[in-house]
Amino acid sequence: MNGIMSFKWKILFLGYCGVILYVSSLSPKELPEGPELVSDKILHLCEYGLLGILSWGAFGVRKGVFPWGLVALGAWFGIMDECWQDWIGKSRSAEVWDVAADAVGSLLGVTVAQLFWIKR
């Protein structure tokens, strides 16, 4: 992968991190309302699954080597995101099970990207 393409993936990754933090900064009243058809944990899983895919695009290593560091990066960002929610208040709090869903989502996203993405 050339340097320009890698740079674009890094911009997408950082932009998505910013979107996650922005949404985490909203109060529950500011979040879109809808029917409770999907569990909050499934949303966290999907959110961090995409983060895992973007991290692979931005920082992925060669095929055949599992990038545990990218999974750890996603899990760490999930922890920081929950701490951020707790710190800013706005009736939001940190939840351990959200962090667990974030970590599993990151693992799934990195795994899917590594298995199906032929770039390295």
PDB file of N, CA and C in Angstrom:
ATOM      1  N   MET A   1       0.848  -1.172   0.000  1.00  0.00           N
ATOM      2  CA  MET A   1       0.000   0.000   0.000  1.00  0.00           C
ATOM      3  C   MET A   1       0.891   1.231   0.000  1.00  0.00           C
ATOM      4  N   ASN A   2       0.549   2.171  -0.837  1.00  0.00           N
ATOM      5  CA  ASN A   2       1.381   3.361  -0.890  1.00  0.00           C
ATOM      6  C   ASN A   2       1.099   4.286   0.281  1.00  0.00           C
ATOM      7  N   GLY A   3       1.983   5.236   0.493  1.00  0.00           N
ATOM      8  CA  GLY A   3       1.894   6.130   1.643  1.00  0.00           C
ATOM      9  C   GLY A   3       0.660   7.014   1.643  1.00  0.00           C
ATOM     10  N   ILE A   4       0.208   7.450   0.466  1.00  0.00           N
ATOM     11  CA  ILE A   4      -0.969   8.318   0.397  1.00  0.00           C
ATOM     12  C   ILE A   4      -2.211   7.561   0.839  1.00  0.00           C
ATOM     13  N   MET A   5      -2.343   6.310   0.404  1.00  0.00           N
ATOM     14  CA  MET A   5      -3.507   5.519   0.786  1.00  0.00           C
ATOM     15  C   MET A   5      -3.504   5.257   2.291  1.00  0.00           C
ATOM     16  N   SER A   6      -2.346   4.957   2.835  1.00  0.00           N
ATOM     17  CA  SER A   6      -2.234   4.732   4.272  1.00  0.00           C
ATOM     18  C   SER A   6      -2.597   6.001   5.039  1.00  0.00           C
ATOM     19  N   PHE A   7      -2.171   7.152   4.528  1.00  0.00           N
ATOM     20  CA  PHE A   7      -2.495   8.431   5.158  1.00  0.00           C
ATOM     21  C   PHE A   7      -4.005   8.663   5.173  1.00  0.00           C
ATOM     22  N   LYS A   8      -4.678   8.316   4.081  1.00  0.00           N
ATOM     23  CA  LYS A   8      -6.135   8.483   4.009  1.00  0.00           C
ATOM     24  C   LYS A   8      -6.834   7.601   5.042  1.00  0.00           C
ATOM     25  N   TRP A   9      -6.346   6.381   5.211  1.00  0.00           N
ATOM     26  CA  TRP A   9      -6.933   5.496   6.221  1.00  0.00           C
ATOM     27  C   TRP A   9      -6.711   6.044   7.630  1.00  0.00           C
ATOM     28  N   LYS A  10      -5.558   6.632   7.855  1.00  0.00           N
ATOM     29  CA  LYS A  10      -5.287   7.219   9.177  1.00  0.00           C
ATOM     30  C   LYS A  10      -6.211   8.397   9.449  1.00  0.00           C
ATOM     31  N   ILE A  11      -6.485   9.207   8.427  1.00  0.00           N
ATOM     32  CA  ILE A  11      -7.421  10.321   8.575  1.00  0.00           C
ATOM     33  C   ILE A  11      -8.821   9.794   8.870  1.00  0.00           C
ATOM     34  N   LEU A  12      -9.247   8.750   8.146  1.00  0.00           N
ATOM     35  CA  LEU A  12     -10.550   8.143   8.418  1.00  0.00           C
ATOM     36  C   LEU A  12     -10.621   7.595   9.838  1.00  0.00           C
ATOM     37  N   PHE A  13      -9.568   6.925  10.266  1.00  0.00           N
ATOM     38  CA  PHE A  13      -9.517   6.356  11.616  1.00  0.00           C
ATOM     39  C   PHE A  13      -9.639   7.459  12.665  1.00  0.00           C
ATOM     40  N   LEU A  14      -8.839   8.509  12.538  1.00  0.00           N
ATOM     41  CA  LEU A  14      -8.875   9.608  13.512  1.00  0.00           C
ATOM     42  C   LEU A  14     -10.209  10.349  13.476  1.00  0.00           C
ATOM     43  N   GLY A  15     -10.760  10.534  12.297  1.00  0.00           N
ATOM     44  CA  GLY A  15     -12.064  11.179  12.177  1.00  0.00           C
ATOM     45  C   GLY A  15     -13.158  10.368  12.858  1.00  0.00           C
ATOM     46  N   TYR A  16     -13.095   9.047  12.684  1.00  0.00           N
ATOM     47  CA  TYR A  16     -14.086   8.177  13.318  1.00  0.00           C
ATOM     48  C   TYR A  16     -13.937   8.211  14.840  1.00  0.00           C
ATOM     49  N   CYS A  17     -12.707   8.256  15.325  1.00  0.00           N
ATOM     50  CA  CYS A  17     -12.481   8.402  16.774  1.00  0.00           C
ATOM     51  C   CYS A  17     -13.131   9.687  17.272  1.00  0.00           C
ATOM     52  N   GLY A  18     -13.006  10.758  16.495  1.00  0.00           N
ATOM     53  CA  GLY A  18     -13.633  12.024  16.854  1.00  0.00           C
ATOM     54  C   GLY A  18     -15.151  11.928  16.884  1.00  0.00           C
ATOM     55  N   VAL A  19     -15.725  11.207  15.930  1.00  0.00           N
ATOM     56  CA  VAL A  19     -17.182  11.014  15.902  1.00  0.00           C
ATOM     57  C   VAL A  19     -17.634  10.243  17.138  1.00  0.00           C
ATOM     58  N   ILE A  20     -16.899   9.204  17.507  1.00  0.00           N
ATOM     59  CA  ILE A  20     -17.229   8.433  18.710  1.00  0.00           C
ATOM     60  C   ILE A  20     -17.227   9.338  19.938  1.00  0.00           C
ATOM     61  N   LEU A  21     -16.188  10.154  20.083  1.00  0.00           N
ATOM     62  CA  LEU A  21     -16.119  11.053  21.239  1.00  0.00           C
ATOM     63  C   LEU A  21     -17.212  12.115  21.209  1.00  0.00           C
ATOM     64  N   TYR A  22     -17.559  12.597  20.027  1.00  0.00           N
ATOM     65  CA  TYR A  22     -18.637  13.575  19.917  1.00  0.00           C
ATOM     66  C   TYR A  22     -19.961  12.976  20.387  1.00  0.00           C
ATOM     67  N   VAL A  23     -20.287  11.786  19.889  1.00  0.00           N
ATOM     68  CA  VAL A  23     -21.538  11.137  20.275  1.00  0.00           C
ATOM     69  C   VAL A  23     -21.534  10.830  21.773  1.00  0.00           C
ATOM     70  N   SER A  24     -20.378  10.452  22.303  1.00  0.00           N
ATOM     71  CA  SER A  24     -20.268  10.191  23.737  1.00  0.00           C
ATOM     72  C   SER A  24     -20.457  11.455  24.569  1.00  0.00           C
ATOM     73  N   SER A  25     -20.262  12.616  23.959  1.00  0.00           N
ATOM     74  CA  SER A  25     -20.400  13.886  24.667  1.00  0.00           C
ATOM     75  C   SER A  25     -21.850  14.347  24.761  1.00  0.00           C
ATOM     76  N   LEU A  26     -22.730  13.711  24.012  1.00  0.00           N
ATOM     77  CA  LEU A  26     -24.128  14.120  24.010  1.00  0.00           C
ATOM     78  C   LEU A  26     -24.851  13.573  25.237  1.00  0.00           C
ATOM     79  N   SER A  27     -25.812  14.328  25.711  1.00  0.00           N
ATOM     80  CA  SER A  27     -26.637  13.838  26.813  1.00  0.00           C
ATOM     81  C   SER A  27     -27.653  12.844  26.242  1.00  0.00           C
ATOM     82  N   PRO A  28     -28.239  11.998  27.085  1.00  0.00           N
ATOM     83  CA  PRO A  28     -29.238  11.039  26.577  1.00  0.00           C
ATOM     84  C   PRO A  28     -30.388  11.724  25.835  1.00  0.00           C
ATOM     85  N   LYS A  29     -30.750  12.945  26.253  1.00  0.00           N
ATOM     86  CA  LYS A  29     -31.832  13.674  25.578  1.00  0.00           C
ATOM     87  C   LYS A  29     -31.433  14.093  24.164  1.00  0.00           C
ATOM     88  N   GLU A  30     -30.141  14.292  23.936  1.00  0.00           N
ATOM     89  CA  GLU A  30     -29.659  14.735  22.621  1.00  0.00           C
ATOM     90  C   GLU A  30     -29.465  13.576  21.647  1.00  0.00           C
ATOM     91  N   LEU A  31     -29.486  12.357  22.156  1.00  0.00           N
ATOM     92  CA  LEU A  31     -29.309  11.196  21.286  1.00  0.00           C
ATOM     93  C   LEU A  31     -30.619  10.890  20.568  1.00  0.00           C
ATOM     94  N   PRO A  32     -30.544  10.364  19.346  1.00  0.00           N
ATOM     95  CA  PRO A  32     -31.780  10.041  18.629  1.00  0.00           C
ATOM     96  C   PRO A  32     -32.582   8.980  19.384  1.00  0.00           C
ATOM     97  N   GLU A  33     -33.896   9.195  19.405  1.00  0.00           N
ATOM     98  CA  GLU A  33     -34.768   8.224  20.049  1.00  0.00           C
ATOM     99  C   GLU A  33     -35.301   7.264  19.005  1.00  0.00           C
ATOM    100  N   GLY A  34     -35.546   6.082  19.435  1.00  0.00           N
ATOM    101  CA  GLY A  34     -36.104   5.078  18.542  1.00  0.00           C
ATOM    102  C   GLY A  34     -36.504   3.877  19.359  1.00  0.00           C
ATOM    103  N   PRO A  35     -37.139   2.953  18.714  1.00  0.00           N
ATOM    104  CA  PRO A  35     -37.540   1.751  19.447  1.00  0.00           C
ATOM    105  C   PRO A  35     -36.319   0.963  19.900  1.00  0.00           C
ATOM    106  N   GLU A  36     -36.436   0.346  21.010  1.00  0.00           N
ATOM    107  CA  GLU A  36     -35.334  -0.446  21.576  1.00  0.00           C
ATOM    108  C   GLU A  36     -35.249  -1.799  20.878  1.00  0.00           C
ATOM    109  N   LEU A  37     -35.077  -1.776  19.561  1.00  0.00           N
ATOM    110  CA  LEU A  37     -35.007  -3.022  18.799  1.00  0.00           C
ATOM    111  C   LEU A  37     -33.645  -3.681  18.900  1.00  0.00           C
ATOM    112  N   VAL A  38     -32.627  -2.863  19.130  1.00  0.00           N
ATOM    113  CA  VAL A  38     -31.258  -3.369  19.158  1.00  0.00           C
ATOM    114  C   VAL A  38     -30.654  -3.027  20.519  1.00  0.00           C
ATOM    115  N   SER A  39     -30.004  -3.989  21.104  1.00  0.00           N
ATOM    116  CA  SER A  39     -29.351  -3.783  22.392  1.00  0.00           C
ATOM    117  C   SER A  39     -28.242  -2.738  22.276  1.00  0.00           C
ATOM    118  N   ASP A  40     -28.056  -1.995  23.334  1.00  0.00           N
ATOM    119  CA  ASP A  40     -26.962  -1.029  23.423  1.00  0.00           C
ATOM    120  C   ASP A  40     -25.619  -1.722  23.198  1.00  0.00           C
ATOM    121  N   LYS A  41     -25.484  -2.941  23.685  1.00  0.00           N
ATOM    122  CA  LYS A  41     -24.216  -3.678  23.553  1.00  0.00           C
ATOM    123  C   LYS A  41     -23.952  -4.045  22.088  1.00  0.00           C
ATOM    124  N   ILE A  42     -24.993  -4.354  21.336  1.00  0.00           N
ATOM    125  CA  ILE A  42     -24.828  -4.652  19.900  1.00  0.00           C
ATOM    126  C   ILE A  42     -24.355  -3.402  19.171  1.00  0.00           C
ATOM    127  N   LEU A  43     -24.891  -2.252  19.560  1.00  0.00           N
ATOM    128  CA  LEU A  43     -24.433  -0.992  18.947  1.00  0.00           C
ATOM    129  C   LEU A  43     -22.959  -0.750  19.251  1.00  0.00           C
ATOM    130  N   HIS A  44     -22.545  -1.002  20.497  1.00  0.00           N
ATOM    131  CA  HIS A  44     -21.127  -0.857  20.857  1.00  0.00           C
ATOM    132  C   HIS A  44     -20.277  -1.837  20.046  1.00  0.00           C
ATOM    133  N   LEU A  45     -20.737  -3.066  19.904  1.00  0.00           N
ATOM    134  CA  LEU A  45     -20.014  -4.080  19.145  1.00  0.00           C
ATOM    135  C   LEU A  45     -19.802  -3.629  17.693  1.00  0.00           C
ATOM    136  N   CYS A  46     -20.857  -3.126  17.074  1.00  0.00           N
ATOM    137  CA  CYS A  46     -20.752  -2.661  15.679  1.00  0.00           C
ATOM    138  C   CYS A  46     -19.875  -1.413  15.562  1.00  0.00           C
ATOM    139  N   GLU A  47     -20.049  -0.494  16.508  1.00  0.00           N
ATOM    140  CA  GLU A  47     -19.269   0.752  16.500  1.00  0.00           C
ATOM    141  C   GLU A  47     -17.770   0.457  16.566  1.00  0.00           C
ATOM    142  N   TYR A  48     -17.388  -0.448  17.456  1.00  0.00           N
ATOM    143  CA  TYR A  48     -15.972  -0.755  17.611  1.00  0.00           C
ATOM    144  C   TYR A  48     -15.489  -1.792  16.602  1.00  0.00           C
ATOM    145  N   GLY A  49     -16.414  -2.529  16.002  1.00  0.00           N
ATOM    146  CA  GLY A  49     -16.045  -3.385  14.879  1.00  0.00           C
ATOM    147  C   GLY A  49     -15.555  -2.542  13.715  1.00  0.00           C
ATOM    148  N   LEU A  50     -16.291  -1.455  13.438  1.00  0.00           N
ATOM    149  CA  LEU A  50     -15.856  -0.531  12.388  1.00  0.00           C
ATOM    150  C   LEU A  50     -14.530   0.125  12.758  1.00  0.00           C
ATOM    151  N   LEU A  51     -14.364   0.459  14.037  1.00  0.00           N
ATOM    152  CA  LEU A  51     -13.088   1.030  14.480  1.00  0.00           C
ATOM    153  C   LEU A  51     -11.949   0.028  14.235  1.00  0.00           C
ATOM    154  N   GLY A  52     -12.194  -1.250  14.488  1.00  0.00           N
ATOM    155  CA  GLY A  52     -11.182  -2.284  14.238  1.00  0.00           C
ATOM    156  C   GLY A  52     -10.815  -2.378  12.762  1.00  0.00           C
ATOM    157  N   ILE A  53     -11.823  -2.289  11.898  1.00  0.00           N
ATOM    158  CA  ILE A  53     -11.565  -2.334  10.455  1.00  0.00           C
ATOM    159  C   ILE A  53     -10.753  -1.113  10.024  1.00  0.00           C
ATOM    160  N   LEU A  54     -11.144   0.057  10.518  1.00  0.00           N
ATOM    161  CA  LEU A  54     -10.409   1.271  10.172  1.00  0.00           C
ATOM    162  C   LEU A  54      -8.980   1.240  10.719  1.00  0.00           C
ATOM    163  N   SER A  55      -8.799   0.655  11.901  1.00  0.00           N
ATOM    164  CA  SER A  55      -7.439   0.569  12.449  1.00  0.00           C
ATOM    165  C   SER A  55      -6.575  -0.351  11.592  1.00  0.00           C
ATOM    166  N   TRP A  56      -7.174  -1.409  11.057  1.00  0.00           N
ATOM    167  CA  TRP A  56      -6.432  -2.297  10.166  1.00  0.00           C
ATOM    168  C   TRP A  56      -6.032  -1.536   8.902  1.00  0.00           C
ATOM    169  N   GLY A  57      -6.947  -0.740   8.351  1.00  0.00           N
ATOM    170  CA  GLY A  57      -6.627   0.042   7.162  1.00  0.00           C
ATOM    171  C   GLY A  57      -5.529   1.054   7.420  1.00  0.00           C
ATOM    172  N   ALA A  58      -5.533   1.631   8.619  1.00  0.00           N
ATOM    173  CA  ALA A  58      -4.556   2.672   8.941  1.00  0.00           C
ATOM    174  C   ALA A  58      -3.214   2.115   9.391  1.00  0.00           C
ATOM    175  N   PHE A  59      -3.244   1.034  10.172  1.00  0.00           N
ATOM    176  CA  PHE A  59      -2.021   0.568  10.819  1.00  0.00           C
ATOM    177  C   PHE A  59      -1.742  -0.922  10.642  1.00  0.00           C
ATOM    178  N   GLY A  60      -2.519  -1.605   9.804  1.00  0.00           N
ATOM    179  CA  GLY A  60      -2.415  -3.053   9.685  1.00  0.00           C
ATOM    180  C   GLY A  60      -1.026  -3.550   9.361  1.00  0.00           C
ATOM    181  N   VAL A  61      -0.745  -4.719   9.850  1.00  0.00           N
ATOM    182  CA  VAL A  61       0.542  -5.369   9.600  1.00  0.00           C
ATOM    183  C   VAL A  61       0.363  -6.407   8.505  1.00  0.00           C
ATOM    184  N   ARG A  62       1.418  -7.061   8.161  1.00  0.00           N
ATOM    185  CA  ARG A  62       1.352  -8.017   7.062  1.00  0.00           C
ATOM    186  C   ARG A  62       0.453  -9.198   7.416  1.00  0.00           C
ATOM    187  N   LYS A  63      -0.083  -9.821   6.388  1.00  0.00           N
ATOM    188  CA  LYS A  63      -0.928 -10.998   6.597  1.00  0.00           C
ATOM    189  C   LYS A  63      -0.134 -12.108   7.268  1.00  0.00           C
ATOM    190  N   GLY A  64      -0.833 -12.901   8.054  1.00  0.00           N
ATOM    191  CA  GLY A  64      -0.196 -14.015   8.733  1.00  0.00           C
ATOM    192  C   GLY A  64       0.250 -13.696  10.148  1.00  0.00           C
ATOM    193  N   VAL A  65       0.252 -12.416  10.515  1.00  0.00           N
ATOM    194  CA  VAL A  65       0.625 -12.005  11.869  1.00  0.00           C
ATOM    195  C   VAL A  65      -0.591 -11.326  12.469  1.00  0.00           C
ATOM    196  N   PHE A  66      -1.145 -11.907  13.542  1.00  0.00           N
ATOM    197  CA  PHE A  66      -2.345 -11.291  14.118  1.00  0.00           C
ATOM    198  C   PHE A  66      -1.964 -10.029  14.888  1.00  0.00           C
ATOM    199  N   PRO A  67      -2.608  -8.923  14.574  1.00  0.00           N
ATOM    200  CA  PRO A  67      -2.253  -7.628  15.174  1.00  0.00           C
ATOM    201  C   PRO A  67      -2.944  -7.381  16.521  1.00  0.00           C
ATOM    202  N   TRP A  68      -2.457  -8.038  17.550  1.00  0.00           N
ATOM    203  CA  TRP A  68      -3.033  -7.859  18.883  1.00  0.00           C
ATOM    204  C   TRP A  68      -2.948  -6.409  19.353  1.00  0.00           C
ATOM    205  N   GLY A  69      -1.957  -5.691  18.870  1.00  0.00           N
ATOM    206  CA  GLY A  69      -1.833  -4.278  19.242  1.00  0.00           C
ATOM    207  C   GLY A  69      -3.020  -3.452  18.763  1.00  0.00           C
ATOM    208  N   LEU A  70      -3.576  -3.782  17.599  1.00  0.00           N
ATOM    209  CA  LEU A  70      -4.739  -3.059  17.097  1.00  0.00           C
ATOM    210  C   LEU A  70      -5.981  -3.369  17.927  1.00  0.00           C
ATOM    211  N   VAL A  71      -6.090  -4.618  18.357  1.00  0.00           N
ATOM    212  CA  VAL A  71      -7.208  -4.992  19.238  1.00  0.00           C
ATOM    213  C   VAL A  71      -7.079  -4.232  20.561  1.00  0.00           C
ATOM    214  N   ALA A  72      -5.861  -4.188  21.093  1.00  0.00           N
ATOM    215  CA  ALA A  72      -5.612  -3.468  22.349  1.00  0.00           C
ATOM    216  C   ALA A  72      -5.903  -1.977  22.176  1.00  0.00           C
ATOM    217  N   LEU A  73      -5.564  -1.412  21.028  1.00  0.00           N
ATOM    218  CA  LEU A  73      -5.855  -0.004  20.755  1.00  0.00           C
ATOM    219  C   LEU A  73      -7.361   0.248  20.812  1.00  0.00           C
ATOM    220  N   GLY A  74      -8.142  -0.618  20.177  1.00  0.00           N
ATOM    221  CA  GLY A  74      -9.600  -0.475  20.206  1.00  0.00           C
ATOM    222  C   GLY A  74     -10.159  -0.611  21.616  1.00  0.00           C
ATOM    223  N   ALA A  75      -9.657  -1.590  22.372  1.00  0.00           N
ATOM    224  CA  ALA A  75     -10.114  -1.783  23.754  1.00  0.00           C
ATOM    225  C   ALA A  75      -9.737  -0.568  24.610  1.00  0.00           C
ATOM    226  N   TRP A  76      -8.524  -0.081  24.434  1.00  0.00           N
ATOM    227  CA  TRP A  76      -8.077   1.104  25.179  1.00  0.00           C
ATOM    228  C   TRP A  76      -8.958   2.304  24.850  1.00  0.00           C
ATOM    229  N   PHE A  77      -9.266   2.501  23.574  1.00  0.00           N
ATOM    230  CA  PHE A  77     -10.103   3.636  23.190  1.00  0.00           C
ATOM    231  C   PHE A  77     -11.500   3.491  23.789  1.00  0.00           C
ATOM    232  N   GLY A  78     -11.998   2.256  23.872  1.00  0.00           N
ATOM    233  CA  GLY A  78     -13.293   2.014  24.509  1.00  0.00           C
ATOM    234  C   GLY A  78     -13.276   2.393  25.980  1.00  0.00           C
ATOM    235  N   ILE A  79     -12.198   2.063  26.664  1.00  0.00           N
ATOM    236  CA  ILE A  79     -12.058   2.442  28.078  1.00  0.00           C
ATOM    237  C   ILE A  79     -12.017   3.961  28.209  1.00  0.00           C
ATOM    238  N   MET A  80     -11.222   4.609  27.365  1.00  0.00           N
ATOM    239  CA  MET A  80     -11.128   6.068  27.416  1.00  0.00           C
ATOM    240  C   MET A  80     -12.469   6.724  27.089  1.00  0.00           C
ATOM    241  N   ASP A  81     -13.202   6.156  26.149  1.00  0.00           N
ATOM    242  CA  ASP A  81     -14.513   6.672  25.781  1.00  0.00           C
ATOM    243  C   ASP A  81     -15.482   6.598  26.968  1.00  0.00           C
ATOM    244  N   GLU A  82     -15.479   5.487  27.681  1.00  0.00           N
ATOM    245  CA  GLU A  82     -16.351   5.349  28.848  1.00  0.00           C
ATOM    246  C   GLU A  82     -15.927   6.305  29.964  1.00  0.00           C
ATOM    247  N   CYS A  83     -14.635   6.471  30.166  1.00  0.00           N
ATOM    248  CA  CYS A  83     -14.144   7.438  31.162  1.00  0.00           C
ATOM    249  C   CYS A  83     -14.553   8.852  30.771  1.00  0.00           C
ATOM    250  N   TRP A  84     -14.479   9.162  29.482  1.00  0.00           N
ATOM    251  CA  TRP A  84     -14.886  10.469  28.978  1.00  0.00           C
ATOM    252  C   TRP A  84     -16.360  10.726  29.299  1.00  0.00           C
ATOM    253  N   GLN A  85     -17.216   9.724  29.047  1.00  0.00           N
ATOM    254  CA  GLN A  85     -18.643   9.882  29.342  1.00  0.00           C
ATOM    255  C   GLN A  85     -18.872  10.160  30.820  1.00  0.00           C
ATOM    256  N   ASP A  86     -18.151   9.451  31.655  1.00  0.00           N
ATOM    257  CA  ASP A  86     -18.301   9.631  33.092  1.00  0.00           C
ATOM    258  C   ASP A  86     -17.787  11.003  33.522  1.00  0.00           C
ATOM    259  N   TRP A  87     -16.702  11.443  32.930  1.00  0.00           N
ATOM    260  CA  TRP A  87     -16.070  12.705  33.307  1.00  0.00           C
ATOM    261  C   TRP A  87     -16.923  13.909  32.930  1.00  0.00           C
ATOM    262  N   ILE A  88     -17.531  13.891  31.728  1.00  0.00           N
ATOM    263  CA  ILE A  88     -18.289  15.061  31.292  1.00  0.00           C
ATOM    264  C   ILE A  88     -19.663  15.152  31.942  1.00  0.00           C
ATOM    265  N   GLY A  89     -20.106  14.085  32.562  1.00  0.00           N
ATOM    266  CA  GLY A  89     -21.412  14.108  33.222  1.00  0.00           C
ATOM    267  C   GLY A  89     -22.538  13.945  32.230  1.00  0.00           C
ATOM    268  N   LYS A  90     -23.432  14.922  32.173  1.00  0.00           N
ATOM    269  CA  LYS A  90     -24.575  14.911  31.254  1.00  0.00           C
ATOM    270  C   LYS A  90     -25.415  13.636  31.391  1.00  0.00           C
ATOM    271  N   SER A  91     -25.531  13.122  32.593  1.00  0.00           N
ATOM    272  CA  SER A  91     -26.323  11.906  32.860  1.00  0.00           C
ATOM    273  C   SER A  91     -25.796  10.686  32.129  1.00  0.00           C
ATOM    274  N   ARG A  92     -24.522  10.670  31.818  1.00  0.00           N
ATOM    275  CA  ARG A  92     -23.895   9.508  31.195  1.00  0.00           C
ATOM    276  C   ARG A  92     -22.914   8.940  32.200  1.00  0.00           C
ATOM    277  N   SER A  93     -22.735   7.646  32.155  1.00  0.00           N
ATOM    278  CA  SER A  93     -21.805   7.013  33.087  1.00  0.00           C
ATOM    279  C   SER A  93     -21.025   5.921  32.375  1.00  0.00           C
ATOM    280  N   ALA A  94     -19.904   5.579  32.963  1.00  0.00           N
ATOM    281  CA  ALA A  94     -19.061   4.508  32.419  1.00  0.00           C
ATOM    282  C   ALA A  94     -19.669   3.159  32.788  1.00  0.00           C
ATOM    283  N   GLU A  95     -19.684   2.236  31.840  1.00  0.00           N
ATOM    284  CA  GLU A  95     -20.213   0.897  32.092  1.00  0.00           C
ATOM    285  C   GLU A  95     -19.199  -0.149  31.643  1.00  0.00           C
ATOM    286  N   VAL A  96     -18.919  -1.062  32.532  1.00  0.00           N
ATOM    287  CA  VAL A  96     -17.938  -2.119  32.247  1.00  0.00           C
ATOM    288  C   VAL A  96     -18.384  -2.975  31.067  1.00  0.00           C
ATOM    289  N   TRP A  97     -19.679  -3.270  30.985  1.00  0.00           N
ATOM    290  CA  TRP A  97     -20.151  -4.127  29.886  1.00  0.00           C
ATOM    291  C   TRP A  97     -20.071  -3.417  28.537  1.00  0.00           C
ATOM    292  N   ASP A  98     -20.143  -2.098  28.530  1.00  0.00           N
ATOM    293  CA  ASP A  98     -19.918  -1.363  27.280  1.00  0.00           C
ATOM    294  C   ASP A  98     -18.468  -1.525  26.832  1.00  0.00           C
ATOM    295  N   VAL A  99     -17.553  -1.452  27.784  1.00  0.00           N
ATOM    296  CA  VAL A  99     -16.129  -1.645  27.461  1.00  0.00           C
ATOM    297  C   VAL A  99     -15.906  -3.056  26.925  1.00  0.00           C
ATOM    298  N   ALA A 100     -16.553  -4.038  27.531  1.00  0.00           N
ATOM    299  CA  ALA A 100     -16.404  -5.422  27.056  1.00  0.00           C
ATOM    300  C   ALA A 100     -16.915  -5.549  25.623  1.00  0.00           C
ATOM    301  N   ALA A 101     -18.071  -4.946  25.333  1.00  0.00           N
ATOM    302  CA  ALA A 101     -18.608  -4.981  23.968  1.00  0.00           C
ATOM    303  C   ALA A 101     -17.687  -4.250  22.999  1.00  0.00           C
ATOM    304  N   ASP A 102     -17.087  -3.152  23.451  1.00  0.00           N
ATOM    305  CA  ASP A 102     -16.136  -2.415  22.615  1.00  0.00           C
ATOM    306  C   ASP A 102     -14.926  -3.278  22.276  1.00  0.00           C
ATOM    307  N   ALA A 103     -14.396  -3.971  23.265  1.00  0.00           N
ATOM    308  CA  ALA A 103     -13.208  -4.810  23.055  1.00  0.00           C
ATOM    309  C   ALA A 103     -13.524  -5.968  22.113  1.00  0.00           C
ATOM    310  N   VAL A 104     -14.666  -6.606  22.301  1.00  0.00           N
ATOM    311  CA  VAL A 104     -15.052  -7.714  21.416  1.00  0.00           C
ATOM    312  C   VAL A 104     -15.282  -7.189  20.002  1.00  0.00           C
ATOM    313  N   GLY A 105     -15.911  -6.018  19.886  1.00  0.00           N
ATOM    314  CA  GLY A 105     -16.112  -5.416  18.566  1.00  0.00           C
ATOM    315  C   GLY A 105     -14.797  -5.115  17.872  1.00  0.00           C
ATOM    316  N   SER A 106     -13.849  -4.595  18.613  1.00  0.00           N
ATOM    317  CA  SER A 106     -12.526  -4.319  18.052  1.00  0.00           C
ATOM    318  C   SER A 106     -11.868  -5.611  17.561  1.00  0.00           C
ATOM    319  N   LEU A 107     -11.937  -6.644  18.378  1.00  0.00           N
ATOM    320  CA  LEU A 107     -11.378  -7.953  17.992  1.00  0.00           C
ATOM    321  C   LEU A 107     -12.035  -8.467  16.718  1.00  0.00           C
ATOM    322  N   LEU A 108     -13.354  -8.399  16.654  1.00  0.00           N
ATOM    323  CA  LEU A 108     -14.061  -8.881  15.456  1.00  0.00           C
ATOM    324  C   LEU A 108     -13.710  -8.056  14.225  1.00  0.00           C
ATOM    325  N   GLY A 109     -13.652  -6.730  14.384  1.00  0.00           N
ATOM    326  CA  GLY A 109     -13.331  -5.872  13.254  1.00  0.00           C
ATOM    327  C   GLY A 109     -11.939  -6.123  12.706  1.00  0.00           C
ATOM    328  N   VAL A 110     -10.966  -6.235  13.597  1.00  0.00           N
ATOM    329  CA  VAL A 110      -9.588  -6.509  13.159  1.00  0.00           C
ATOM    330  C   VAL A 110      -9.513  -7.890  12.513  1.00  0.00           C
ATOM    331  N   THR A 111     -10.199  -8.861  13.084  1.00  0.00           N
ATOM    332  CA  THR A 111     -10.184 -10.220  12.533  1.00  0.00           C
ATOM    333  C   THR A 111     -10.798 -10.254  11.140  1.00  0.00           C
ATOM    334  N   VAL A 112     -11.957  -9.634  10.980  1.00  0.00           N
ATOM    335  CA  VAL A 112     -12.611  -9.590   9.670  1.00  0.00           C
ATOM    336  C   VAL A 112     -11.720  -8.893   8.650  1.00  0.00           C
ATOM    337  N   ALA A 113     -11.136  -7.772   9.044  1.00  0.00           N
ATOM    338  CA  ALA A 113     -10.272  -7.032   8.122  1.00  0.00           C
ATOM    339  C   ALA A 113      -9.067  -7.883   7.714  1.00  0.00           C
ATOM    340  N   GLN A 114      -8.473  -8.576   8.673  1.00  0.00           N
ATOM    341  CA  GLN A 114      -7.293  -9.365   8.351  1.00  0.00           C
ATOM    342  C   GLN A 114      -7.651 -10.560   7.466  1.00  0.00           C
ATOM    343  N   LEU A 115      -8.780 -11.189   7.728  1.00  0.00           N
ATOM    344  CA  LEU A 115      -9.163 -12.374   6.962  1.00  0.00           C
ATOM    345  C   LEU A 115      -9.600 -12.052   5.535  1.00  0.00           C
ATOM    346  N   PHE A 116     -10.296 -10.935   5.355  1.00  0.00           N
ATOM    347  CA  PHE A 116     -10.913 -10.672   4.061  1.00  0.00           C
ATOM    348  C   PHE A 116     -10.293  -9.530   3.279  1.00  0.00           C
ATOM    349  N   TRP A 117      -9.334  -8.860   3.841  1.00  0.00           N
ATOM    350  CA  TRP A 117      -8.740  -7.709   3.188  1.00  0.00           C
ATOM    351  C   TRP A 117      -7.401  -8.115   2.621  1.00  0.00           C
ATOM    352  N   ILE A 118      -7.312  -8.150   1.320  1.00  0.00           N
ATOM    353  CA  ILE A 118      -6.044  -8.527   0.694  1.00  0.00           C
ATOM    354  C   ILE A 118      -5.328  -7.246   0.316  1.00  0.00           C
ATOM    355  N   LYS A 119      -4.481  -6.798   1.224  1.00  0.00           N
ATOM    356  CA  LYS A 119      -3.730  -5.573   0.932  1.00  0.00           C
ATOM    357  C   LYS A 119      -2.261  -5.709   1.283  1.00  0.00           C
ATOM    358  N   ARG A 120      -1.931  -6.655   2.108  1.00  0.00           N
ATOM    359  CA  ARG A 120      -0.546  -6.772   2.551  1.00  0.00           C
ATOM    360  C   ARG A 120      -0.006  -8.134   2.198  1.00  0.00           C
TER     361      ARG A 120
END
